[in-house]
Amino acid sequence: MLNRCNWACVDCGRVAYGREMHADHVVPIREGGERYDVANGEARCVACHGRKTRQEQNATAQSPS
């Protein structure tokens, strides 16, 4: 999946390799996203992945149960 994206972050465009680039699930696994479906994956650098994850966690915490 990272090769498909040319190791470029979908958010900021940064190109990085190894631990600096993450394969991120578009739809999180805990919300029903498919773990191994490449269509459910995007490349994100460490910083953008962390930002997206925090936003998702904040949204989950604020939504009514």
C-alpha atoms as a PDB file:
ATOM      1  CA  MET A   1       0.000   0.000   0.000  1.00  0.00           C
ATOM      2  CA  LEU A   2       2.828   2.398   0.825  1.00  0.00           C
ATOM      3  CA  ASN A   3       4.432   1.643  -2.529  1.00  0.00           C
ATOM      4  CA  ARG A   4       1.115   2.416  -4.243  1.00  0.00           C
ATOM      5  CA  CYS A   5       1.154   5.858  -2.600  1.00  0.00           C
ATOM      6  CA  ASN A   6       4.830   6.333  -3.486  1.00  0.00           C
ATOM      7  CA  TRP A   7       5.539   6.712   0.242  1.00  0.00           C
ATOM      8  CA  ALA A   8       3.915  10.165   0.190  1.00  0.00           C
ATOM      9  CA  CYS A   9       1.625  11.339   2.985  1.00  0.00           C
ATOM     10  CA  VAL A  10      -1.923  11.936   1.735  1.00  0.00           C
ATOM     11  CA  ASP A  11      -2.280  14.935   4.068  1.00  0.00           C
ATOM     12  CA  CYS A  12       0.956  16.930   3.803  1.00  0.00           C
ATOM     13  CA  GLY A  13       2.684  15.315   0.826  1.00  0.00           C
ATOM     14  CA  ARG A  14       5.859  14.506   2.753  1.00  0.00           C
ATOM     15  CA  VAL A  15       7.802  11.566   1.341  1.00  0.00           C
ATOM     16  CA  ALA A  16       9.350   9.348   3.995  1.00  0.00           C
ATOM     17  CA  TYR A  17      10.421   5.746   4.403  1.00  0.00           C
ATOM     18  CA  GLY A  18      10.542   3.163   7.155  1.00  0.00           C
ATOM     19  CA  ARG A  19       9.171   4.140  10.547  1.00  0.00           C
ATOM     20  CA  GLU A  20       8.491   7.696   9.422  1.00  0.00           C
ATOM     21  CA  MET A  21       5.554   6.558   7.250  1.00  0.00           C
ATOM     22  CA  HIS A  22       2.503   4.664   8.468  1.00  0.00           C
ATOM     23  CA  ALA A  23      -0.146   2.665   6.659  1.00  0.00           C
ATOM     24  CA  ASP A  24      -3.295   4.178   8.156  1.00  0.00           C
ATOM     25  CA  HIS A  25      -6.780   2.701   8.079  1.00  0.00           C
ATOM     26  CA  VAL A  26      -9.267   5.124   6.513  1.00  0.00           C
ATOM     27  CA  VAL A  27     -12.075   3.516   8.502  1.00  0.00           C
ATOM     28  CA  PRO A  28     -10.606   2.424  11.839  1.00  0.00           C
ATOM     29  CA  ILE A  29     -10.774  -1.284  12.654  1.00  0.00           C
ATOM     30  CA  ARG A  30     -12.813  -0.535  15.811  1.00  0.00           C
ATOM     31  CA  GLU A  31     -15.428   1.132  13.594  1.00  0.00           C
ATOM     32  CA  GLY A  32     -15.719  -1.800  11.204  1.00  0.00           C
ATOM     33  CA  GLY A  33     -12.890  -1.034   8.785  1.00  0.00           C
ATOM     34  CA  GLU A  34     -11.215  -3.958   7.112  1.00  0.00           C
ATOM     35  CA  ARG A  35      -7.731  -4.620   8.474  1.00  0.00           C
ATOM     36  CA  TYR A  36      -6.181  -6.060   5.293  1.00  0.00           C
ATOM     37  CA  ASP A  37      -8.163  -4.273   2.569  1.00  0.00           C
ATOM     38  CA  VAL A  38      -5.754  -1.974   0.702  1.00  0.00           C
ATOM     39  CA  ALA A  39      -8.727   0.186  -0.284  1.00  0.00           C
ATOM     40  CA  ASN A  40      -9.066   0.974   3.438  1.00  0.00           C
ATOM     41  CA  GLY A  41      -5.500   2.223   3.648  1.00  0.00           C
ATOM     42  CA  GLU A  42      -3.693   5.507   3.098  1.00  0.00           C
ATOM     43  CA  ALA A  43      -0.100   6.557   3.671  1.00  0.00           C
ATOM     44  CA  ARG A  44       0.409   9.114   6.436  1.00  0.00           C
ATOM     45  CA  CYS A  45       3.604  10.463   7.942  1.00  0.00           C
ATOM     46  CA  VAL A  46       4.008  10.004  11.688  1.00  0.00           C
ATOM     47  CA  ALA A  47       2.868  13.561  12.476  1.00  0.00           C
ATOM     48  CA  CYS A  48      -0.265  13.468  10.296  1.00  0.00           C
ATOM     49  CA  HIS A  49      -1.176   9.967  11.487  1.00  0.00           C
ATOM     50  CA  GLY A  50      -0.956  11.117  15.099  1.00  0.00           C
ATOM     51  CA  ARG A  51      -3.092  14.178  14.348  1.00  0.00           C
ATOM     52  CA  LYS A  52      -5.762  12.097  12.571  1.00  0.00           C
ATOM     53  CA  THR A  53      -5.838   9.543  15.391  1.00  0.00           C
ATOM     54  CA  ARG A  54      -6.269  12.265  18.049  1.00  0.00           C
ATOM     55  CA  GLN A  55      -9.117  13.822  16.039  1.00  0.00           C
ATOM     56  CA  GLU A  56     -10.838  10.436  15.763  1.00  0.00           C
ATOM     57  CA  GLN A  57     -10.417   9.783  19.494  1.00  0.00           C
ATOM     58  CA  ASN A  58     -11.773  13.240  20.382  1.00  0.00           C
ATOM     59  CA  ALA A  59     -14.773  12.732  18.103  1.00  0.00           C
ATOM     60  CA  THR A  60     -15.479   9.347  19.683  1.00  0.00           C
ATOM     61  CA  ALA A  61     -15.184  10.779  23.195  1.00  0.00           C
ATOM     62  CA  GLN A  62     -17.617  13.604  22.368  1.00  0.00           C
ATOM     63  CA  SER A  63     -20.250  11.493  20.620  1.00  0.00           C
ATOM     64  CA  PRO A  64     -23.202  10.328  22.728  1.00  0.00           C
ATOM     65  CA  SER A  65     -23.233   6.618  23.604  1.00  0.00           C
END
